C-alpha atoms as a PDB file:
ATOM      1  CA  MET A   1     -18.864  88.617  41.446  1.00  0.00           C
ATOM      2  CA  ASN A   2     -17.249  85.271  42.165  1.00  0.00           C
ATOM      3  CA  ARG A   3     -19.734  82.766  43.587  1.00  0.00           C
ATOM      4  CA  THR A   4     -17.568  79.671  43.512  1.00  0.00           C
ATOM      5  CA  ILE A   5     -18.704  76.676  45.544  1.00  0.00           C
ATOM      6  CA  ARG A   6     -17.000  73.343  45.972  1.00  0.00           C
ATOM      7  CA  LEU A   7     -19.361  70.588  44.852  1.00  0.00           C
ATOM      8  CA  ALA A   8     -18.877  66.931  45.787  1.00  0.00           C
ATOM      9  CA  LEU A   9     -20.422  63.820  44.240  1.00  0.00           C
ATOM     10  CA  VAL A  10     -20.411  60.712  46.453  1.00  0.00           C
ATOM     11  CA  GLN A  11     -20.134  57.773  44.030  1.00  0.00           C
ATOM     12  CA  HIS A  12     -20.488  54.431  45.761  1.00  0.00           C
ATOM     13  CA  GLY A  13     -21.937  50.955  45.423  1.00  0.00           C
ATOM     14  CA  CYS A  14     -25.093  49.733  47.159  1.00  0.00           C
ATOM     15  CA  GLY A  15     -25.349  46.333  48.827  1.00  0.00           C
ATOM     16  CA  PRO A  16     -28.189  44.348  50.425  1.00  0.00           C
ATOM     17  CA  ASP A  17     -27.985  46.153  53.812  1.00  0.00           C
ATOM     18  CA  PRO A  18     -29.745  49.562  53.725  1.00  0.00           C
ATOM     19  CA  GLU A  19     -28.058  50.670  56.939  1.00  0.00           C
ATOM     20  CA  ALA A  20     -24.602  49.980  55.502  1.00  0.00           C
ATOM     21  CA  ASN A  21     -25.501  51.869  52.325  1.00  0.00           C
ATOM     22  CA  LEU A  22     -26.696  54.881  54.280  1.00  0.00           C
ATOM     23  CA  ALA A  23     -23.563  54.789  56.431  1.00  0.00           C
ATOM     24  CA  ARG A  24     -21.483  54.880  53.236  1.00  0.00           C
ATOM     25  CA  SER A  25     -23.410  57.927  52.014  1.00  0.00           C
ATOM     26  CA  LEU A  26     -23.045  59.733  55.337  1.00  0.00           C
ATOM     27  CA  ALA A  27     -19.330  58.971  55.455  1.00  0.00           C
ATOM     28  CA  GLY A  28     -19.066  60.435  51.961  1.00  0.00           C
ATOM     29  CA  ILE A  29     -20.721  63.670  53.104  1.00  0.00           C
ATOM     30  CA  ARG A  30     -18.263  63.969  55.984  1.00  0.00           C
ATOM     31  CA  ALA A  31     -15.293  63.238  53.722  1.00  0.00           C
ATOM     32  CA  ALA A  32     -16.523  65.843  51.246  1.00  0.00           C
ATOM     33  CA  ALA A  33     -16.819  68.452  53.989  1.00  0.00           C
ATOM     34  CA  ASP A  34     -13.292  67.660  55.159  1.00  0.00           C
ATOM     35  CA  ARG A  35     -12.121  68.530  51.645  1.00  0.00           C
ATOM     36  CA  GLY A  36     -13.934  71.833  51.558  1.00  0.00           C
ATOM     37  CA  ALA A  37     -17.216  70.882  49.879  1.00  0.00           C
ATOM     38  CA  ARG A  38     -20.267  73.040  50.602  1.00  0.00           C
ATOM     39  CA  LEU A  39     -22.728  71.131  48.377  1.00  0.00           C
ATOM     40  CA  VAL A  40     -22.931  67.325  48.259  1.00  0.00           C
ATOM     41  CA  LEU A  41     -24.869  65.194  45.767  1.00  0.00           C
ATOM     42  CA  LEU A  42     -25.686  61.516  46.425  1.00  0.00           C
ATOM     43  CA  PRO A  43     -26.718  58.807  43.906  1.00  0.00           C
ATOM     44  CA  GLU A  44     -30.327  57.952  43.130  1.00  0.00           C
ATOM     45  CA  LEU A  45     -32.057  55.759  45.763  1.00  0.00           C
ATOM     46  CA  HIS A  46     -28.697  55.319  47.506  1.00  0.00           C
ATOM     47  CA  ARG A  47     -30.100  53.699  50.666  1.00  0.00           C
ATOM     48  CA  THR A  48     -30.880  50.412  48.909  1.00  0.00           C
ATOM     49  CA  ARG A  49     -29.980  48.355  45.923  1.00  0.00           C
ATOM     50  CA  TYR A  50     -31.884  49.376  42.814  1.00  0.00           C
ATOM     51  CA  PHE A  51     -35.024  47.360  43.577  1.00  0.00           C
ATOM     52  CA  CYS A  52     -36.923  48.406  40.431  1.00  0.00           C
ATOM     53  CA  GLN A  53     -35.390  45.515  38.487  1.00  0.00           C
ATOM     54  CA  VAL A  54     -38.512  43.546  39.479  1.00  0.00           C
ATOM     55  CA  GLU A  55     -42.172  44.269  40.219  1.00  0.00           C
ATOM     56  CA  ASP A  56     -42.788  43.183  43.808  1.00  0.00           C
ATOM     57  CA  PRO A  57     -45.369  44.915  46.045  1.00  0.00           C
ATOM     58  CA  ALA A  58     -43.463  43.812  49.148  1.00  0.00           C
ATOM     59  CA  LEU A  59     -40.596  46.124  48.203  1.00  0.00           C
ATOM     60  CA  CYS A  60     -42.869  49.105  48.880  1.00  0.00           C
ATOM     61  CA  GLU A  61     -41.980  48.484  52.530  1.00  0.00           C
ATOM     62  CA  LEU A  62     -38.702  50.255  51.728  1.00  0.00           C
ATOM     63  CA  ALA A  63     -40.525  53.585  51.310  1.00  0.00           C
ATOM     64  CA  GLU A  64     -40.354  56.264  54.028  1.00  0.00           C
ATOM     65  CA  PRO A  65     -42.105  59.540  54.734  1.00  0.00           C
ATOM     66  CA  ILE A  66     -40.247  62.822  54.265  1.00  0.00           C
ATOM     67  CA  PRO A  67     -39.280  63.995  56.830  1.00  0.00           C
ATOM     68  CA  GLY A  68     -38.536  60.500  58.060  1.00  0.00           C
ATOM     69  CA  PRO A  69     -35.768  58.250  59.401  1.00  0.00           C
ATOM     70  CA  THR A  70     -33.380  58.549  56.442  1.00  0.00           C
ATOM     71  CA  SER A  71     -33.885  62.234  55.749  1.00  0.00           C
ATOM     72  CA  ASP A  72     -33.443  62.912  59.490  1.00  0.00           C
ATOM     73  CA  ARG A  73     -30.087  61.087  59.493  1.00  0.00           C
ATOM     74  CA  ILE A  74     -28.926  63.048  56.469  1.00  0.00           C
ATOM     75  CA  ALA A  75     -30.121  66.278  58.086  1.00  0.00           C
ATOM     76  CA  GLU A  76     -28.020  65.529  61.175  1.00  0.00           C
ATOM     77  CA  VAL A  77     -24.877  65.181  59.064  1.00  0.00           C
ATOM     78  CA  ALA A  78     -25.739  68.254  56.979  1.00  0.00           C
ATOM     79  CA  ARG A  79     -25.988  70.243  60.216  1.00  0.00           C
ATOM     80  CA  GLU A  80     -22.810  68.673  61.591  1.00  0.00           C
ATOM     81  CA  THR A  81     -20.755  69.450  58.462  1.00  0.00           C
ATOM     82  CA  GLY A  82     -22.412  72.686  57.334  1.00  0.00           C
ATOM     83  CA  CYS A  83     -23.054  71.216  53.871  1.00  0.00           C
ATOM     84  CA  VAL A  84     -26.129  71.474  51.699  1.00  0.00           C
ATOM     85  CA  VAL A  85     -27.001  67.891  50.720  1.00  0.00           C
ATOM     86  CA  VAL A  86     -29.090  66.658  47.789  1.00  0.00           C
ATOM     87  CA  ALA A  87     -30.333  63.136  48.459  1.00  0.00           C
ATOM     88  CA  SER A  88     -32.636  60.755  46.564  1.00  0.00           C
ATOM     89  CA  LEU A  89     -35.284  58.893  48.573  1.00  0.00           C
ATOM     90  CA  PHE A  90     -38.153  56.419  48.115  1.00  0.00           C
ATOM     91  CA  GLU A  91     -40.936  58.649  49.448  1.00  0.00           C
ATOM     92  CA  ARG A  92     -44.041  57.231  51.118  1.00  0.00           C
ATOM     93  CA  ARG A  93     -46.602  59.977  50.623  1.00  0.00           C
ATOM     94  CA  ALA A  94     -49.677  57.944  51.644  1.00  0.00           C
ATOM     95  CA  PRO A  95     -50.642  54.257  51.793  1.00  0.00           C
ATOM     96  CA  GLY A  96     -50.093  52.931  48.268  1.00  0.00           C
ATOM     97  CA  LEU A  97     -48.780  56.283  46.991  1.00  0.00           C
ATOM     98  CA  TYR A  98     -45.038  56.603  46.534  1.00  0.00           C
ATOM     99  CA  HIS A  99     -42.595  58.854  44.686  1.00  0.00           C
ATOM    100  CA  ASN A 100     -38.970  58.825  43.588  1.00  0.00           C
ATOM    101  CA  THR A 101     -38.030  62.036  45.362  1.00  0.00           C
ATOM    102  CA  ALA A 102     -34.918  64.168  45.692  1.00  0.00           C
ATOM    103  CA  VAL A 103     -34.625  66.425  48.723  1.00  0.00           C
ATOM    104  CA  VAL A 104     -32.441  69.438  49.353  1.00  0.00           C
ATOM    105  CA  ILE A 105     -31.291  69.513  52.976  1.00  0.00           C
ATOM    106  CA  GLU A 106     -29.985  72.883  54.151  1.00  0.00           C
ATOM    107  CA  ARG A 107     -26.706  73.210  56.012  1.00  0.00           C
ATOM    108  CA  ASP A 108     -28.676  73.779  59.232  1.00  0.00           C
ATOM    109  CA  GLY A 109     -30.510  70.481  58.715  1.00  0.00           C
ATOM    110  CA  THR A 110     -33.831  71.942  57.572  1.00  0.00           C
ATOM    111  CA  LEU A 111     -35.650  70.769  54.472  1.00  0.00           C
ATOM    112  CA  ALA A 112     -35.200  73.426  51.783  1.00  0.00           C
ATOM    113  CA  GLY A 113     -37.394  71.634  49.271  1.00  0.00           C
ATOM    114  CA  ARG A 114     -38.040  68.528  47.231  1.00  0.00           C
ATOM    115  CA  TYR A 115     -38.427  67.415  43.627  1.00  0.00           C
ATOM    116  CA  ARG A 116     -40.464  64.382  42.604  1.00  0.00           C
ATOM    117  CA  LYS A 117     -39.173  62.566  39.539  1.00  0.00           C
ATOM    118  CA  MET A 118     -41.292  63.449  36.530  1.00  0.00           C
ATOM    119  CA  HIS A 119     -40.073  61.002  33.872  1.00  0.00           C
ATOM    120  CA  LEU A 120     -40.425  57.384  34.992  1.00  0.00           C
ATOM    121  CA  PRO A 121     -38.943  54.538  32.937  1.00  0.00           C
ATOM    122  CA  ASP A 122     -40.759  51.278  32.314  1.00  0.00           C
ATOM    123  CA  ASP A 123     -38.118  49.139  30.639  1.00  0.00           C
ATOM    124  CA  PRO A 124     -36.581  45.725  31.341  1.00  0.00           C
ATOM    125  CA  GLY A 125     -34.717  46.117  34.615  1.00  0.00           C
ATOM    126  CA  TYR A 126     -36.138  49.616  35.246  1.00  0.00           C
ATOM    127  CA  TYR A 127     -39.784  49.113  36.250  1.00  0.00           C
ATOM    128  CA  GLU A 128     -40.241  52.440  38.015  1.00  0.00           C
ATOM    129  CA  LYS A 129     -43.828  53.018  36.939  1.00  0.00           C
ATOM    130  CA  PHE A 130     -44.806  50.039  39.114  1.00  0.00           C
ATOM    131  CA  TYR A 131     -43.489  51.728  42.274  1.00  0.00           C
ATOM    132  CA  PHE A 132     -43.679  55.468  41.736  1.00  0.00           C
ATOM    133  CA  ALA A 133     -46.422  57.920  40.884  1.00  0.00           C
ATOM    134  CA  PRO A 134     -45.287  60.587  38.412  1.00  0.00           C
ATOM    135  CA  GLY A 135     -43.990  63.747  40.026  1.00  0.00           C
ATOM    136  CA  ASP A 136     -46.554  66.484  40.595  1.00  0.00           C
ATOM    137  CA  LEU A 137     -44.376  69.385  41.721  1.00  0.00           C
ATOM    138  CA  GLY A 138     -43.315  70.452  38.242  1.00  0.00           C
ATOM    139  CA  PHE A 139     -39.897  71.625  37.112  1.00  0.00           C
ATOM    140  CA  TYR A 140     -39.166  74.256  39.734  1.00  0.00           C
ATOM    141  CA  PRO A 141     -35.741  74.894  41.277  1.00  0.00           C
ATOM    142  CA  VAL A 142     -35.193  74.729  45.025  1.00  0.00           C
ATOM    143  CA  ASP A 143     -33.836  77.815  46.757  1.00  0.00           C
ATOM    144  CA  CYS A 144     -31.188  77.250  49.402  1.00  0.00           C
ATOM    145  CA  SER A 145     -28.377  79.182  51.053  1.00  0.00           C
ATOM    146  CA  LEU A 146     -26.023  78.430  48.141  1.00  0.00           C
ATOM    147  CA  GLY A 147     -28.383  79.531  45.391  1.00  0.00           C
ATOM    148  CA  ARG A 148     -31.175  78.144  43.256  1.00  0.00           C
ATOM    149  CA  LEU A 149     -30.703  74.425  42.504  1.00  0.00           C
ATOM    150  CA  GLY A 150     -32.326  72.707  39.531  1.00  0.00           C
ATOM    151  CA  VAL A 151     -32.707  69.174  40.884  1.00  0.00           C
ATOM    152  CA  LEU A 152     -33.809  66.420  38.490  1.00  0.00           C
ATOM    153  CA  VAL A 153     -33.499  62.622  38.755  1.00  0.00           C
ATOM    154  CA  CYS A 154     -31.918  60.041  36.423  1.00  0.00           C
ATOM    155  CA  TRP A 155     -34.296  59.416  33.483  1.00  0.00           C
ATOM    156  CA  ASP A 156     -35.082  63.143  33.596  1.00  0.00           C
ATOM    157  CA  GLN A 157     -31.510  63.732  32.417  1.00  0.00           C
ATOM    158  CA  TRP A 158     -32.335  62.601  28.875  1.00  0.00           C
ATOM    159  CA  PHE A 159     -35.051  65.221  28.326  1.00  0.00           C
ATOM    160  CA  PRO A 160     -33.973  68.706  27.201  1.00  0.00           C
ATOM    161  CA  GLU A 161     -37.367  70.108  28.193  1.00  0.00           C
ATOM    162  CA  ALA A 162     -36.721  69.330  31.878  1.00  0.00           C
ATOM    163  CA  ALA A 163     -33.359  71.096  31.896  1.00  0.00           C
ATOM    164  CA  ARG A 164     -34.768  74.057  29.956  1.00  0.00           C
ATOM    165  CA  LEU A 165     -37.700  74.534  32.322  1.00  0.00           C
ATOM    166  CA  MET A 166     -35.360  74.468  35.305  1.00  0.00           C
ATOM    167  CA  ALA A 167     -33.221  77.092  33.575  1.00  0.00           C
ATOM    168  CA  LEU A 168     -36.305  79.203  32.830  1.00  0.00           C
ATOM    169  CA  GLY A 169     -37.156  78.976  36.532  1.00  0.00           C
ATOM    170  CA  GLY A 170     -33.833  80.582  37.403  1.00  0.00           C
ATOM    171  CA  ALA A 171     -31.801  77.464  38.259  1.00  0.00           C
ATOM    172  CA  GLU A 172     -28.111  78.249  38.738  1.00  0.00           C
ATOM    173  CA  LEU A 173     -26.948  74.615  38.640  1.00  0.00           C
ATOM    174  CA  LEU A 174     -28.447  71.342  37.367  1.00  0.00           C
ATOM    175  CA  LEU A 175     -28.091  68.284  39.628  1.00  0.00           C
ATOM    176  CA  TYR A 176     -28.966  64.700  38.692  1.00  0.00           C
ATOM    177  CA  PRO A 177     -28.954  61.866  41.260  1.00  0.00           C
ATOM    178  CA  THR A 178     -28.582  58.804  39.032  1.00  0.00           C
ATOM    179  CA  ALA A 179     -28.756  54.997  38.907  1.00  0.00           C
ATOM    180  CA  ILE A 180     -27.830  53.839  35.414  1.00  0.00           C
ATOM    181  CA  GLY A 181     -25.806  50.960  34.070  1.00  0.00           C
ATOM    182  CA  TRP A 182     -25.274  48.301  31.456  1.00  0.00           C
ATOM    183  CA  ASP A 183     -26.882  44.952  30.839  1.00  0.00           C
ATOM    184  CA  PRO A 184     -24.042  42.540  31.719  1.00  0.00           C
ATOM    185  CA  GLY A 185     -24.460  41.064  28.232  1.00  0.00           C
ATOM    186  CA  ASP A 186     -23.584  44.342  26.476  1.00  0.00           C
ATOM    187  CA  ASP A 187     -20.334  44.130  24.539  1.00  0.00           C
ATOM    188  CA  PRO A 188     -17.562  46.731  25.124  1.00  0.00           C
ATOM    189  CA  GLU A 189     -18.502  48.787  22.062  1.00  0.00           C
ATOM    190  CA  GLU A 190     -22.157  49.014  23.110  1.00  0.00           C
ATOM    191  CA  ARG A 191     -21.151  49.919  26.656  1.00  0.00           C
ATOM    192  CA  GLN A 192     -18.973  52.758  25.427  1.00  0.00           C
ATOM    193  CA  SER A 193     -21.734  54.045  23.139  1.00  0.00           C
ATOM    194  CA  GLN A 194     -24.268  54.145  25.982  1.00  0.00           C
ATOM    195  CA  LEU A 195     -21.866  55.839  28.387  1.00  0.00           C
ATOM    196  CA  GLN A 196     -20.905  58.478  25.838  1.00  0.00           C
ATOM    197  CA  ALA A 197     -24.556  59.188  25.013  1.00  0.00           C
ATOM    198  CA  TRP A 198     -25.413  59.564  28.701  1.00  0.00           C
ATOM    199  CA  GLN A 199     -22.640  62.047  29.305  1.00  0.00           C
ATOM    200  CA  LEU A 200     -23.083  63.856  25.992  1.00  0.00           C
ATOM    201  CA  VAL A 201     -26.777  64.615  26.456  1.00  0.00           C
ATOM    202  CA  GLN A 202     -26.143  66.153  29.872  1.00  0.00           C
ATOM    203  CA  ARG A 203     -23.196  68.185  28.653  1.00  0.00           C
ATOM    204  CA  ALA A 204     -25.552  69.443  25.929  1.00  0.00           C
ATOM    205  CA  HIS A 205     -27.976  70.612  28.628  1.00  0.00           C
ATOM    206  CA  ALA A 206     -25.102  72.568  30.160  1.00  0.00           C
ATOM    207  CA  VAL A 207     -24.306  74.212  26.827  1.00  0.00           C
ATOM    208  CA  ALA A 208     -27.905  74.919  25.778  1.00  0.00           C
ATOM    209  CA  ASN A 209     -28.739  76.532  29.115  1.00  0.00           C
ATOM    210  CA  GLY A 210     -25.418  78.074  30.116  1.00  0.00           C
ATOM    211  CA  LEU A 211     -25.416  76.136  33.389  1.00  0.00           C
ATOM    212  CA  ALA A 212     -23.046  73.778  35.137  1.00  0.00           C
ATOM    213  CA  VAL A 213     -24.364  70.211  35.356  1.00  0.00           C
ATOM    214  CA  ALA A 214     -23.538  67.417  37.812  1.00  0.00           C
ATOM    215  CA  ALA A 215     -24.604  63.756  37.722  1.00  0.00           C
ATOM    216  CA  CYS A 216     -23.875  61.319  40.566  1.00  0.00           C
ATOM    217  CA  ASN A 217     -24.199  57.620  39.726  1.00  0.00           C
ATOM    218  CA  ARG A 218     -23.736  54.414  41.703  1.00  0.00           C
ATOM    219  CA  ILE A 219     -21.271  51.621  40.868  1.00  0.00           C
ATOM    220  CA  GLY A 220     -21.082  47.834  40.901  1.00  0.00           C
ATOM    221  CA  ARG A 221     -23.111  44.868  39.709  1.00  0.00           C
ATOM    222  CA  GLU A 222     -26.471  44.441  41.411  1.00  0.00           C
ATOM    223  CA  PRO A 223     -28.334  41.167  40.870  1.00  0.00           C
ATOM    224  CA  ASP A 224     -31.961  40.875  39.854  1.00  0.00           C
ATOM    225  CA  PRO A 225     -33.764  40.446  43.235  1.00  0.00           C
ATOM    226  CA  ALA A 226     -35.931  37.729  41.681  1.00  0.00           C
ATOM    227  CA  GLY A 227     -32.922  35.872  40.300  1.00  0.00           C
ATOM    228  CA  LYS A 228     -34.404  35.807  36.798  1.00  0.00           C
ATOM    229  CA  GLY A 229     -32.759  38.701  34.984  1.00  0.00           C
ATOM    230  CA  PRO A 230     -29.064  39.385  34.348  1.00  0.00           C
ATOM    231  CA  GLY A 231     -28.783  42.237  36.862  1.00  0.00           C
ATOM    232  CA  ILE A 232     -27.262  45.638  36.143  1.00  0.00           C
ATOM    233  CA  ASP A 233     -23.632  46.795  35.964  1.00  0.00           C
ATOM    234  CA  PHE A 234     -23.862  50.373  37.212  1.00  0.00           C
ATOM    235  CA  TRP A 235     -21.238  52.315  35.304  1.00  0.00           C
ATOM    236  CA  GLY A 236     -20.288  55.089  37.722  1.00  0.00           C
ATOM    237  CA  HIS A 237     -18.530  57.891  35.801  1.00  0.00           C
ATOM    238  CA  SER A 238     -20.141  60.598  37.925  1.00  0.00           C
ATOM    239  CA  PHE A 239     -19.094  63.961  36.532  1.00  0.00           C
ATOM    240  CA  VAL A 240     -19.369  67.732  36.690  1.00  0.00           C
ATOM    241  CA  ALA A 241     -19.488  69.831  33.510  1.00  0.00           C
ATOM    242  CA  GLY A 242     -19.229  73.611  33.237  1.00  0.00           C
ATOM    243  CA  PRO A 243     -21.655  75.896  31.382  1.00  0.00           C
ATOM    244  CA  GLN A 244     -19.912  75.293  28.063  1.00  0.00           C
ATOM    245  CA  GLY A 245     -20.017  71.537  28.524  1.00  0.00           C
ATOM    246  CA  GLU A 246     -16.399  71.316  29.635  1.00  0.00           C
ATOM    247  CA  ILE A 247     -15.614  68.439  32.002  1.00  0.00           C
ATOM    248  CA  LEU A 248     -14.509  69.818  35.372  1.00  0.00           C
ATOM    249  CA  ALA A 249     -14.212  66.490  37.182  1.00  0.00           C
ATOM    250  CA  GLU A 250     -15.083  62.858  36.496  1.00  0.00           C
ATOM    251  CA  ALA A 251     -14.890  59.478  38.218  1.00  0.00           C
ATOM    252  CA  ASP A 252     -14.397  56.066  36.649  1.00  0.00           C
ATOM    253  CA  LEU A 253     -15.866  52.724  37.711  1.00  0.00           C
ATOM    254  CA  ALA A 254     -14.510  52.809  41.290  1.00  0.00           C
ATOM    255  CA  GLU A 255     -15.895  54.201  44.511  1.00  0.00           C
ATOM    256  CA  ASP A 256     -14.887  57.848  44.479  1.00  0.00           C
ATOM    257  CA  LEU A 257     -15.465  61.327  45.817  1.00  0.00           C
ATOM    258  CA  VAL A 258     -15.669  63.701  42.854  1.00  0.00           C
ATOM    259  CA  LEU A 259     -14.857  67.324  43.680  1.00  0.00           C
ATOM    260  CA  ALA A 260     -15.196  70.387  41.473  1.00  0.00           C
ATOM    261  CA  ASP A 261     -15.160  74.128  42.078  1.00  0.00           C
ATOM    262  CA  VAL A 262     -18.136  75.650  40.266  1.00  0.00           C
ATOM    263  CA  ASP A 263     -18.556  79.400  39.769  1.00  0.00           C
ATOM    264  CA  LEU A 264     -22.302  80.012  39.682  1.00  0.00           C
ATOM    265  CA  ALA A 265     -21.770  83.598  38.506  1.00  0.00           C
ATOM    266  CA  ARG A 266     -20.057  82.391  35.317  1.00  0.00           C
ATOM    267  CA  CYS A 267     -23.461  81.429  33.931  1.00  0.00           C
ATOM    268  CA  GLU A 268     -24.291  85.041  33.138  1.00  0.00           C
ATOM    269  CA  GLN A 269     -20.940  85.654  31.457  1.00  0.00           C
ATOM    270  CA  VAL A 270     -21.459  82.645  29.189  1.00  0.00           C
ATOM    271  CA  ARG A 271     -25.045  83.620  28.376  1.00  0.00           C
ATOM    272  CA  ARG A 272     -23.954  87.084  27.273  1.00  0.00           C
ATOM    273  CA  VAL A 273     -21.840  85.491  24.542  1.00  0.00           C
ATOM    274  CA  TRP A 274     -24.208  82.601  23.775  1.00  0.00           C
ATOM    275  CA  PRO A 275     -27.675  84.206  24.283  1.00  0.00           C
ATOM    276  CA  TYR A 276     -29.881  81.165  23.724  1.00  0.00           C
ATOM    277  CA  LEU A 277     -32.575  82.431  26.079  1.00  0.00           C
ATOM    278  CA  ARG A 278     -32.681  85.777  24.266  1.00  0.00           C
ATOM    279  CA  ASP A 279     -33.013  84.225  20.806  1.00  0.00           C
ATOM    280  CA  ARG A 280     -35.577  81.529  21.556  1.00  0.00           C
ATOM    281  CA  ARG A 281     -38.574  81.730  19.202  1.00  0.00           C
ATOM    282  CA  ILE A 282     -41.221  81.110  21.808  1.00  0.00           C
ATOM    283  CA  ASP A 283     -43.851  82.293  19.317  1.00  0.00           C
ATOM    284  CA  ALA A 284     -43.088  79.283  17.090  1.00  0.00           C
ATOM    285  CA  TYR A 285     -42.739  76.437  19.604  1.00  0.00           C
ATOM    286  CA  GLY A 286     -46.403  75.605  20.193  1.00  0.00           C
ATOM    287  CA  ASP A 287     -46.122  72.118  18.680  1.00  0.00           C
ATOM    288  CA  LEU A 288     -43.761  71.108  21.474  1.00  0.00           C
ATOM    289  CA  LEU A 289     -46.908  70.572  23.535  1.00  0.00           C
ATOM    290  CA  ARG A 290     -47.996  67.788  21.148  1.00  0.00           C
ATOM    291  CA  ARG A 291     -46.896  64.171  21.534  1.00  0.00           C
ATOM    292  CA  TYR A 292     -45.931  64.055  17.845  1.00  0.00           C
ATOM    293  CA  ARG A 293     -46.581  66.201  14.803  1.00  0.00           C
ATOM    294  CA  ASP A 294     -48.249  63.852  12.313  1.00  0.00           C
END
């Protein structure tokens, strides 16, 4: 059975005005729908610049409840266009308790589900542990009218365990809202190495799980809000890969709408030839629950 859906990734830059950023995202959803998309993926924390470059308690004012003002606006456009939308939000769960959360908005505007980012970086320019509590919803796909979506967020994309657990939960597609880029001081060779590693590891998740994978990144240089660090050059290159790791569509460094037709039913055909799930030695993997095997 053919279960092909047109998937769109809205790759755009983020400036200092949250309202302008959100308007850019909403315009991208509408443009995607006009080109036949039924599922739209937005970049990580697309409403604002990537504020985690610094540790500043005042920036917690950017957080919102879910449902809330931003998710309601996205829901309106999802209902208007008939698209399922995956959006990344700064969730205010309670006073002083926040998450980096991706939501799945149904095509009728209802909230199908959410995923709270499990792996949080704490590196120069990426101080997410200061703002976000670790996710507590586990690695469970979200069911929607288009199928079962394995939604993960940015740093999660480097961990094969996260992709595998989504696959074991019946995910039919892996989706990664992303905000990743270079230190402006990186030379061209280092930049290329990082970009290739980022894409390669996600294509490997596609291969190892027999699932299509999509990652939607932002673009442009964003300054350090404190004016002390070099800022980040977000490298774009949003892409969709098929279940054998093949590139179906890819952007470059410019603002772009990436479209790909993805056949969700092809997963089973691929897995019949490459039966990784059948041949896993789950009886011998106990040490994976240890931090390190000394």
